[in-house]
Amino acid sequence: MKNLRAVDLRKSLGEVARSLDRSGEPVALTLRGRPVGVLISVRDWNERFTSRAVQDERRRLVAEILADRRPASVPIEEAIDEVRRG
């Protein structure tokens, strides 16, 4: 991970953005010598956070289905559709 001072970010934002786009390597942002944040590519954002949200939603749906078990006579597809409708 590259380190970049906040003052240098102001001077080279376009270059930093192009580097993120090309390499995807995160950039640690420092202010007065201490780390204050990390810049990541959109690709990393989607892989790390968007996918996690989808997984969390799946887990929530499964938990809801399991908590509201239906008799065996109700097809699972029907039960899932009912849960999705709310």
PDB file of N, CA and C in Angstrom:
ATOM      1  N   MET A   1       0.859  -1.178   0.000  1.00  0.00           N
ATOM      2  CA  MET A   1       0.000   0.000   0.000  1.00  0.00           C
ATOM      3  C   MET A   1       0.897   1.229   0.000  1.00  0.00           C
ATOM      4  N   LYS A   2       0.572   2.150  -0.868  1.00  0.00           N
ATOM      5  CA  LYS A   2       1.323   3.397  -0.943  1.00  0.00           C
ATOM      6  C   LYS A   2       0.844   4.348   0.156  1.00  0.00           C
ATOM      7  N   ASN A   3       1.730   5.185   0.630  1.00  0.00           N
ATOM      8  CA  ASN A   3       1.376   6.241   1.583  1.00  0.00           C
ATOM      9  C   ASN A   3       1.410   7.578   0.863  1.00  0.00           C
ATOM     10  N   LEU A   4       0.495   8.443   1.235  1.00  0.00           N
ATOM     11  CA  LEU A   4       0.423   9.759   0.597  1.00  0.00           C
ATOM     12  C   LEU A   4      -0.004  10.790   1.634  1.00  0.00           C
ATOM     13  N   ARG A   5       0.730  11.879   1.706  1.00  0.00           N
ATOM     14  CA  ARG A   5       0.350  12.958   2.618  1.00  0.00           C
ATOM     15  C   ARG A   5      -0.807  13.736   2.019  1.00  0.00           C
ATOM     16  N   ALA A   6      -1.675  14.240   2.874  1.00  0.00           N
ATOM     17  CA  ALA A   6      -2.847  14.992   2.416  1.00  0.00           C
ATOM     18  C   ALA A   6      -2.436  16.159   1.524  1.00  0.00           C
ATOM     19  N   VAL A   7      -1.364  16.845   1.863  1.00  0.00           N
ATOM     20  CA  VAL A   7      -0.913  17.987   1.067  1.00  0.00           C
ATOM     21  C   VAL A   7      -0.512  17.531  -0.338  1.00  0.00           C
ATOM     22  N   ASP A   8       0.084  16.333  -0.447  1.00  0.00           N
ATOM     23  CA  ASP A   8       0.470  15.816  -1.756  1.00  0.00           C
ATOM     24  C   ASP A   8      -0.745  15.352  -2.550  1.00  0.00           C
ATOM     25  N   LEU A   9      -1.782  14.878  -1.855  1.00  0.00           N
ATOM     26  CA  LEU A   9      -3.007  14.477  -2.537  1.00  0.00           C
ATOM     27  C   LEU A   9      -3.629  15.668  -3.257  1.00  0.00           C
ATOM     28  N   ARG A  10      -3.632  16.820  -2.597  1.00  0.00           N
ATOM     29  CA  ARG A  10      -4.181  18.032  -3.228  1.00  0.00           C
ATOM     30  C   ARG A  10      -3.449  18.370  -4.519  1.00  0.00           C
ATOM     31  N   LYS A  11      -2.165  18.147  -4.508  1.00  0.00           N
ATOM     32  CA  LYS A  11      -1.349  18.499  -5.679  1.00  0.00           C
ATOM     33  C   LYS A  11      -1.481  17.482  -6.809  1.00  0.00           C
ATOM     34  N   SER A  12      -1.836  16.236  -6.478  1.00  0.00           N
ATOM     35  CA  SER A  12      -1.764  15.185  -7.503  1.00  0.00           C
ATOM     36  C   SER A  12      -2.998  14.282  -7.534  1.00  0.00           C
ATOM     37  N   LEU A  13      -4.160  14.843  -7.276  1.00  0.00           N
ATOM     38  CA  LEU A  13      -5.376  14.038  -7.217  1.00  0.00           C
ATOM     39  C   LEU A  13      -5.628  13.284  -8.521  1.00  0.00           C
ATOM     40  N   GLY A  14      -5.464  13.934  -9.648  1.00  0.00           N
ATOM     41  CA  GLY A  14      -5.680  13.268 -10.931  1.00  0.00           C
ATOM     42  C   GLY A  14      -4.751  12.082 -11.117  1.00  0.00           C
ATOM     43  N   GLU A  15      -3.505  12.247 -10.751  1.00  0.00           N
ATOM     44  CA  GLU A  15      -2.522  11.170 -10.878  1.00  0.00           C
ATOM     45  C   GLU A  15      -2.872  10.010  -9.948  1.00  0.00           C
ATOM     46  N   VAL A  16      -3.284  10.323  -8.747  1.00  0.00           N
ATOM     47  CA  VAL A  16      -3.673   9.288  -7.787  1.00  0.00           C
ATOM     48  C   VAL A  16      -4.889   8.527  -8.300  1.00  0.00           C
ATOM     49  N   ALA A  17      -5.869   9.235  -8.853  1.00  0.00           N
ATOM     50  CA  ALA A  17      -7.064   8.593  -9.401  1.00  0.00           C
ATOM     51  C   ALA A  17      -6.692   7.655 -10.551  1.00  0.00           C
ATOM     52  N   ARG A  18      -5.817   8.093 -11.432  1.00  0.00           N
ATOM     53  CA  ARG A  18      -5.390   7.241 -12.547  1.00  0.00           C
ATOM     54  C   ARG A  18      -4.654   6.005 -12.039  1.00  0.00           C
ATOM     55  N   SER A  19      -3.836   6.176 -11.018  1.00  0.00           N
ATOM     56  CA  SER A  19      -3.101   5.049 -10.438  1.00  0.00           C
ATOM     57  C   SER A  19      -4.066   4.032  -9.815  1.00  0.00           C
ATOM     58  N   LEU A  20      -5.072   4.523  -9.111  1.00  0.00           N
ATOM     59  CA  LEU A  20      -6.087   3.620  -8.542  1.00  0.00           C
ATOM     60  C   LEU A  20      -6.795   2.853  -9.651  1.00  0.00           C
ATOM     61  N   ASP A  21      -7.104   3.530 -10.723  1.00  0.00           N
ATOM     62  CA  ASP A  21      -7.802   2.902 -11.834  1.00  0.00           C
ATOM     63  C   ASP A  21      -6.926   1.844 -12.507  1.00  0.00           C
ATOM     64  N   ARG A  22      -5.652   2.163 -12.688  1.00  0.00           N
ATOM     65  CA  ARG A  22      -4.737   1.235 -13.366  1.00  0.00           C
ATOM     66  C   ARG A  22      -4.366   0.043 -12.490  1.00  0.00           C
ATOM     67  N   SER A  23      -3.832   0.319 -11.317  1.00  0.00           N
ATOM     68  CA  SER A  23      -3.249  -0.757 -10.508  1.00  0.00           C
ATOM     69  C   SER A  23      -4.208  -1.295  -9.447  1.00  0.00           C
ATOM     70  N   GLY A  24      -5.121  -0.463  -8.993  1.00  0.00           N
ATOM     71  CA  GLY A  24      -6.026  -0.884  -7.923  1.00  0.00           C
ATOM     72  C   GLY A  24      -5.363  -0.909  -6.559  1.00  0.00           C
ATOM     73  N   GLU A  25      -4.093  -0.511  -6.486  1.00  0.00           N
ATOM     74  CA  GLU A  25      -3.385  -0.535  -5.205  1.00  0.00           C
ATOM     75  C   GLU A  25      -3.939   0.555  -4.283  1.00  0.00           C
ATOM     76  N   PRO A  26      -4.352   0.187  -3.065  1.00  0.00           N
ATOM     77  CA  PRO A  26      -4.869   1.184  -2.119  1.00  0.00           C
ATOM     78  C   PRO A  26      -3.808   2.225  -1.761  1.00  0.00           C
ATOM     79  N   VAL A  27      -4.274   3.393  -1.364  1.00  0.00           N
ATOM     80  CA  VAL A  27      -3.382   4.479  -0.977  1.00  0.00           C
ATOM     81  C   VAL A  27      -3.750   4.910   0.438  1.00  0.00           C
ATOM     82  N   ALA A  28      -2.782   4.816   1.353  1.00  0.00           N
ATOM     83  CA  ALA A  28      -2.989   5.267   2.735  1.00  0.00           C
ATOM     84  C   ALA A  28      -2.785   6.771   2.782  1.00  0.00           C
ATOM     85  N   LEU A  29      -3.744   7.475   3.318  1.00  0.00           N
ATOM     86  CA  LEU A  29      -3.687   8.928   3.411  1.00  0.00           C
ATOM     87  C   LEU A  29      -3.259   9.324   4.821  1.00  0.00           C
ATOM     88  N   THR A  30      -2.244  10.188   4.901  1.00  0.00           N
ATOM     89  CA  THR A  30      -1.760  10.635   6.205  1.00  0.00           C
ATOM     90  C   THR A  30      -1.940  12.141   6.356  1.00  0.00           C
ATOM     91  N   LEU A  31      -2.116  12.545   7.584  1.00  0.00           N
ATOM     92  CA  LEU A  31      -2.250  13.959   7.925  1.00  0.00           C
ATOM     93  C   LEU A  31      -1.335  14.223   9.110  1.00  0.00           C
ATOM     94  N   ARG A  32      -0.366  15.090   8.895  1.00  0.00           N
ATOM     95  CA  ARG A  32       0.628  15.391   9.923  1.00  0.00           C
ATOM     96  C   ARG A  32       1.312  14.122  10.442  1.00  0.00           C
ATOM     97  N   GLY A  33       1.577  13.199   9.507  1.00  0.00           N
ATOM     98  CA  GLY A  33       2.327  11.997   9.840  1.00  0.00           C
ATOM     99  C   GLY A  33       1.528  10.839  10.400  1.00  0.00           C
ATOM    100  N   ARG A  34       0.237  11.024  10.605  1.00  0.00           N
ATOM    101  CA  ARG A  34      -0.548   9.901  11.141  1.00  0.00           C
ATOM    102  C   ARG A  34      -1.601   9.475  10.123  1.00  0.00           C
ATOM    103  N   PRO A  35      -1.853   8.177  10.031  1.00  0.00           N
ATOM    104  CA  PRO A  35      -2.830   7.678   9.062  1.00  0.00           C
ATOM    105  C   PRO A  35      -4.241   8.136   9.407  1.00  0.00           C
ATOM    106  N   VAL A  36      -4.964   8.603   8.387  1.00  0.00           N
ATOM    107  CA  VAL A  36      -6.338   9.080   8.607  1.00  0.00           C
ATOM    108  C   VAL A  36      -7.358   8.427   7.677  1.00  0.00           C
ATOM    109  N   GLY A  37      -6.898   7.713   6.659  1.00  0.00           N
ATOM    110  CA  GLY A  37      -7.846   7.082   5.748  1.00  0.00           C
ATOM    111  C   GLY A  37      -7.141   6.272   4.682  1.00  0.00           C
ATOM    112  N   VAL A  38      -7.966   5.596   3.882  1.00  0.00           N
ATOM    113  CA  VAL A  38      -7.449   4.784   2.788  1.00  0.00           C
ATOM    114  C   VAL A  38      -8.310   5.042   1.558  1.00  0.00           C
ATOM    115  N   LEU A  39      -7.663   5.269   0.437  1.00  0.00           N
ATOM    116  CA  LEU A  39      -8.360   5.394  -0.843  1.00  0.00           C
ATOM    117  C   LEU A  39      -8.284   4.042  -1.531  1.00  0.00           C
ATOM    118  N   ILE A  40      -9.438   3.531  -1.999  1.00  0.00           N
ATOM    119  CA  ILE A  40      -9.444   2.257  -2.708  1.00  0.00           C
ATOM    120  C   ILE A  40     -10.160   2.436  -4.046  1.00  0.00           C
ATOM    121  N   SER A  41      -9.916   1.511  -4.955  1.00  0.00           N
ATOM    122  CA  SER A  41     -10.540   1.576  -6.272  1.00  0.00           C
ATOM    123  C   SER A  41     -12.016   1.185  -6.165  1.00  0.00           C
ATOM    124  N   VAL A  42     -12.779   1.555  -7.169  1.00  0.00           N
ATOM    125  CA  VAL A  42     -14.188   1.174  -7.224  1.00  0.00           C
ATOM    126  C   VAL A  42     -14.299  -0.346  -7.295  1.00  0.00           C
ATOM    127  N   ARG A  43     -13.392  -0.974  -8.023  1.00  0.00           N
ATOM    128  CA  ARG A  43     -13.377  -2.435  -8.127  1.00  0.00           C
ATOM    129  C   ARG A  43     -13.257  -3.062  -6.730  1.00  0.00           C
ATOM    130  N   ASP A  44     -12.312  -2.567  -5.912  1.00  0.00           N
ATOM    131  CA  ASP A  44     -12.168  -3.070  -4.541  1.00  0.00           C
ATOM    132  C   ASP A  44     -13.415  -2.795  -3.714  1.00  0.00           C
ATOM    133  N   TRP A  45     -13.958  -1.608  -3.869  1.00  0.00           N
ATOM    134  CA  TRP A  45     -15.177  -1.246  -3.126  1.00  0.00           C
ATOM    135  C   TRP A  45     -16.284  -2.256  -3.409  1.00  0.00           C
ATOM    136  N   ASN A  46     -16.513  -2.527  -4.682  1.00  0.00           N
ATOM    137  CA  ASN A  46     -17.568  -3.462  -5.066  1.00  0.00           C
ATOM    138  C   ASN A  46     -17.304  -4.861  -4.534  1.00  0.00           C
ATOM    139  N   GLU A  47     -16.057  -5.333  -4.644  1.00  0.00           N
ATOM    140  CA  GLU A  47     -15.728  -6.678  -4.170  1.00  0.00           C
ATOM    141  C   GLU A  47     -15.842  -6.803  -2.661  1.00  0.00           C
ATOM    142  N   ARG A  48     -15.407  -5.780  -1.948  1.00  0.00           N
ATOM    143  CA  ARG A  48     -15.355  -5.892  -0.485  1.00  0.00           C
ATOM    144  C   ARG A  48     -16.653  -5.515   0.206  1.00  0.00           C
ATOM    145  N   PHE A  49     -17.389  -4.564  -0.339  1.00  0.00           N
ATOM    146  CA  PHE A  49     -18.552  -4.056   0.385  1.00  0.00           C
ATOM    147  C   PHE A  49     -19.877  -4.391  -0.275  1.00  0.00           C
ATOM    148  N   THR A  50     -19.980  -4.244  -1.575  1.00  0.00           N
ATOM    149  CA  THR A  50     -21.237  -4.546  -2.244  1.00  0.00           C
ATOM    150  C   THR A  50     -21.549  -6.023  -2.131  1.00  0.00           C
ATOM    151  N   SER A  51     -20.568  -6.880  -2.392  1.00  0.00           N
ATOM    152  CA  SER A  51     -20.779  -8.319  -2.281  1.00  0.00           C
ATOM    153  C   SER A  51     -21.161  -8.709  -0.864  1.00  0.00           C
ATOM    154  N   ARG A  52     -20.566  -8.071   0.103  1.00  0.00           N
ATOM    155  CA  ARG A  52     -20.883  -8.368   1.499  1.00  0.00           C
ATOM    156  C   ARG A  52     -22.339  -8.032   1.795  1.00  0.00           C
ATOM    157  N   ALA A  53     -22.828  -6.936   1.249  1.00  0.00           N
ATOM    158  CA  ALA A  53     -24.227  -6.559   1.466  1.00  0.00           C
ATOM    159  C   ALA A  53     -25.166  -7.596   0.862  1.00  0.00           C
ATOM    160  N   VAL A  54     -24.811  -8.119  -0.315  1.00  0.00           N
ATOM    161  CA  VAL A  54     -25.625  -9.156  -0.951  1.00  0.00           C
ATOM    162  C   VAL A  54     -25.626 -10.420  -0.086  1.00  0.00           C
ATOM    163  N   GLN A  55     -24.460 -10.806   0.410  1.00  0.00           N
ATOM    164  CA  GLN A  55     -24.371 -11.984   1.276  1.00  0.00           C
ATOM    165  C   GLN A  55     -25.188 -11.795   2.550  1.00  0.00           C
ATOM    166  N   ASP A  56     -25.107 -10.611   3.138  1.00  0.00           N
ATOM    167  CA  ASP A  56     -25.881 -10.332   4.353  1.00  0.00           C
ATOM    168  C   ASP A  56     -27.379 -10.440   4.089  1.00  0.00           C
ATOM    169  N   GLU A  57     -27.828  -9.957   2.940  1.00  0.00           N
ATOM    170  CA  GLU A  57     -29.246 -10.040   2.585  1.00  0.00           C
ATOM    171  C   GLU A  57     -29.665 -11.491   2.401  1.00  0.00           C
ATOM    172  N   ARG A  58     -28.821 -12.291   1.758  1.00  0.00           N
ATOM    173  CA  ARG A  58     -29.117 -13.720   1.611  1.00  0.00           C
ATOM    174  C   ARG A  58     -29.252 -14.395   2.966  1.00  0.00           C
ATOM    175  N   ARG A  59     -28.313 -14.113   3.850  1.00  0.00           N
ATOM    176  CA  ARG A  59     -28.360 -14.712   5.198  1.00  0.00           C
ATOM    177  C   ARG A  59     -29.633 -14.296   5.927  1.00  0.00           C
ATOM    178  N   ARG A  60     -30.008 -13.035   5.778  1.00  0.00           N
ATOM    179  CA  ARG A  60     -31.227 -12.553   6.425  1.00  0.00           C
ATOM    180  C   ARG A  60     -32.448 -13.297   5.905  1.00  0.00           C
ATOM    181  N   LEU A  61     -32.518 -13.470   4.593  1.00  0.00           N
ATOM    182  CA  LEU A  61     -33.648 -14.190   3.999  1.00  0.00           C
ATOM    183  C   LEU A  61     -33.698 -15.638   4.468  1.00  0.00           C
ATOM    184  N   VAL A  62     -32.557 -16.308   4.506  1.00  0.00           N
ATOM    185  CA  VAL A  62     -32.523 -17.700   4.966  1.00  0.00           C
ATOM    186  C   VAL A  62     -32.980 -17.786   6.415  1.00  0.00           C
ATOM    187  N   ALA A  63     -32.489 -16.875   7.257  1.00  0.00           N
ATOM    188  CA  ALA A  63     -32.900 -16.877   8.661  1.00  0.00           C
ATOM    189  C   ALA A  63     -34.402 -16.652   8.798  1.00  0.00           C
ATOM    190  N   GLU A  64     -34.923 -15.751   7.980  1.00  0.00           N
ATOM    191  CA  GLU A  64     -36.358 -15.477   8.028  1.00  0.00           C
ATOM    192  C   GLU A  64     -37.162 -16.696   7.578  1.00  0.00           C
ATOM    193  N   ILE A  65     -36.688 -17.359   6.541  1.00  0.00           N
ATOM    194  CA  ILE A  65     -37.366 -18.567   6.056  1.00  0.00           C
ATOM    195  C   ILE A  65     -37.332 -19.652   7.122  1.00  0.00           C
ATOM    196  N   LEU A  66     -36.177 -19.843   7.722  1.00  0.00           N
ATOM    197  CA  LEU A  66     -36.061 -20.892   8.745  1.00  0.00           C
ATOM    198  C   LEU A  66     -36.899 -20.578   9.982  1.00  0.00           C
ATOM    199  N   ALA A  67     -37.015 -19.310  10.310  1.00  0.00           N
ATOM    200  CA  ALA A  67     -37.813 -18.923  11.480  1.00  0.00           C
ATOM    201  C   ALA A  67     -39.300 -19.119  11.225  1.00  0.00           C
ATOM    202  N   ASP A  68     -39.707 -19.092   9.979  1.00  0.00           N
ATOM    203  CA  ASP A  68     -41.124 -19.205   9.626  1.00  0.00           C
ATOM    204  C   ASP A  68     -41.335 -20.484   8.817  1.00  0.00           C
ATOM    205  N   ARG A  69     -40.943 -21.594   9.393  1.00  0.00           N
ATOM    206  CA  ARG A  69     -41.043 -22.887   8.686  1.00  0.00           C
ATOM    207  C   ARG A  69     -42.481 -23.182   8.304  1.00  0.00           C
ATOM    208  N   ARG A  70     -42.619 -23.709   7.103  1.00  0.00           N
ATOM    209  CA  ARG A  70     -43.931 -24.086   6.572  1.00  0.00           C
ATOM    210  C   ARG A  70     -44.079 -25.598   6.621  1.00  0.00           C
ATOM    211  N   PRO A  71     -45.319 -26.075   6.637  1.00  0.00           N
ATOM    212  CA  PRO A  71     -45.514 -27.528   6.536  1.00  0.00           C
ATOM    213  C   PRO A  71     -44.936 -28.037   5.215  1.00  0.00           C
ATOM    214  N   ALA A  72     -44.581 -29.309   5.177  1.00  0.00           N
ATOM    215  CA  ALA A  72     -43.973 -29.901   3.995  1.00  0.00           C
ATOM    216  C   ALA A  72     -44.864 -29.805   2.767  1.00  0.00           C
ATOM    217  N   SER A  73     -46.146 -29.574   2.955  1.00  0.00           N
ATOM    218  CA  SER A  73     -47.065 -29.518   1.821  1.00  0.00           C
ATOM    219  C   SER A  73     -46.916 -28.229   1.012  1.00  0.00           C
ATOM    220  N   VAL A  74     -46.239 -27.218   1.557  1.00  0.00           N
ATOM    221  CA  VAL A  74     -46.046 -25.959   0.843  1.00  0.00           C
ATOM    222  C   VAL A  74     -44.705 -26.023   0.108  1.00  0.00           C
ATOM    223  N   PRO A  75     -44.723 -25.873  -1.219  1.00  0.00           N
ATOM    224  CA  PRO A  75     -43.452 -25.906  -1.973  1.00  0.00           C
ATOM    225  C   PRO A  75     -42.517 -24.787  -1.521  1.00  0.00           C
ATOM    226  N   ILE A  76     -41.225 -25.075  -1.473  1.00  0.00           N
ATOM    227  CA  ILE A  76     -40.240 -24.107  -0.996  1.00  0.00           C
ATOM    228  C   ILE A  76     -40.262 -22.833  -1.831  1.00  0.00           C
ATOM    229  N   GLU A  77     -40.483 -22.955  -3.143  1.00  0.00           N
ATOM    230  CA  GLU A  77     -40.520 -21.774  -4.008  1.00  0.00           C
ATOM    231  C   GLU A  77     -41.647 -20.826  -3.576  1.00  0.00           C
ATOM    232  N   GLU A  78     -42.775 -21.413  -3.188  1.00  0.00           N
ATOM    233  CA  GLU A  78     -43.909 -20.599  -2.735  1.00  0.00           C
ATOM    234  C   GLU A  78     -43.577 -19.891  -1.431  1.00  0.00           C
ATOM    235  N   ALA A  79     -42.913 -20.584  -0.531  1.00  0.00           N
ATOM    236  CA  ALA A  79     -42.517 -19.979   0.746  1.00  0.00           C
ATOM    237  C   ALA A  79     -41.529 -18.842   0.527  1.00  0.00           C
ATOM    238  N   ILE A  80     -40.562 -19.044  -0.383  1.00  0.00           N
ATOM    239  CA  ILE A  80     -39.578 -17.993  -0.672  1.00  0.00           C
ATOM    240  C   ILE A  80     -40.250 -16.773  -1.286  1.00  0.00           C
ATOM    241  N   ASP A  81     -41.177 -17.001  -2.224  1.00  0.00           N
ATOM    242  CA  ASP A  81     -41.896 -15.888  -2.829  1.00  0.00           C
ATOM    243  C   ASP A  81     -42.671 -15.104  -1.789  1.00  0.00           C
ATOM    244  N   GLU A  82     -43.279 -15.801  -0.844  1.00  0.00           N
ATOM    245  CA  GLU A  82     -44.051 -15.124   0.209  1.00  0.00           C
ATOM    246  C   GLU A  82     -43.134 -14.262   1.090  1.00  0.00           C
ATOM    247  N   VAL A  83     -41.968 -14.786   1.436  1.00  0.00           N
ATOM    248  CA  VAL A  83     -41.022 -14.018   2.254  1.00  0.00           C
ATOM    249  C   VAL A  83     -40.553 -12.786   1.497  1.00  0.00           C
ATOM    250  N   ARG A  84     -40.258 -12.933   0.221  1.00  0.00           N
ATOM    251  CA  ARG A  84     -39.784 -11.789  -0.570  1.00  0.00           C
ATOM    252  C   ARG A  84     -40.854 -10.709  -0.703  1.00  0.00           C
ATOM    253  N   ARG A  85     -42.099 -11.104  -0.769  1.00  0.00           N
ATOM    254  CA  ARG A  85     -43.190 -10.121  -0.856  1.00  0.00           C
ATOM    255  C   ARG A  85     -43.381  -9.362   0.448  1.00  0.00           C
ATOM    256  N   GLY A  86     -42.876  -9.917   1.532  1.00  0.00           N
ATOM    257  CA  GLY A  86     -42.967  -9.213   2.815  1.00  0.00           C
ATOM    258  C   GLY A  86     -44.034  -9.778   3.626  1.00  0.00           C
TER     259      GLY A  86
END
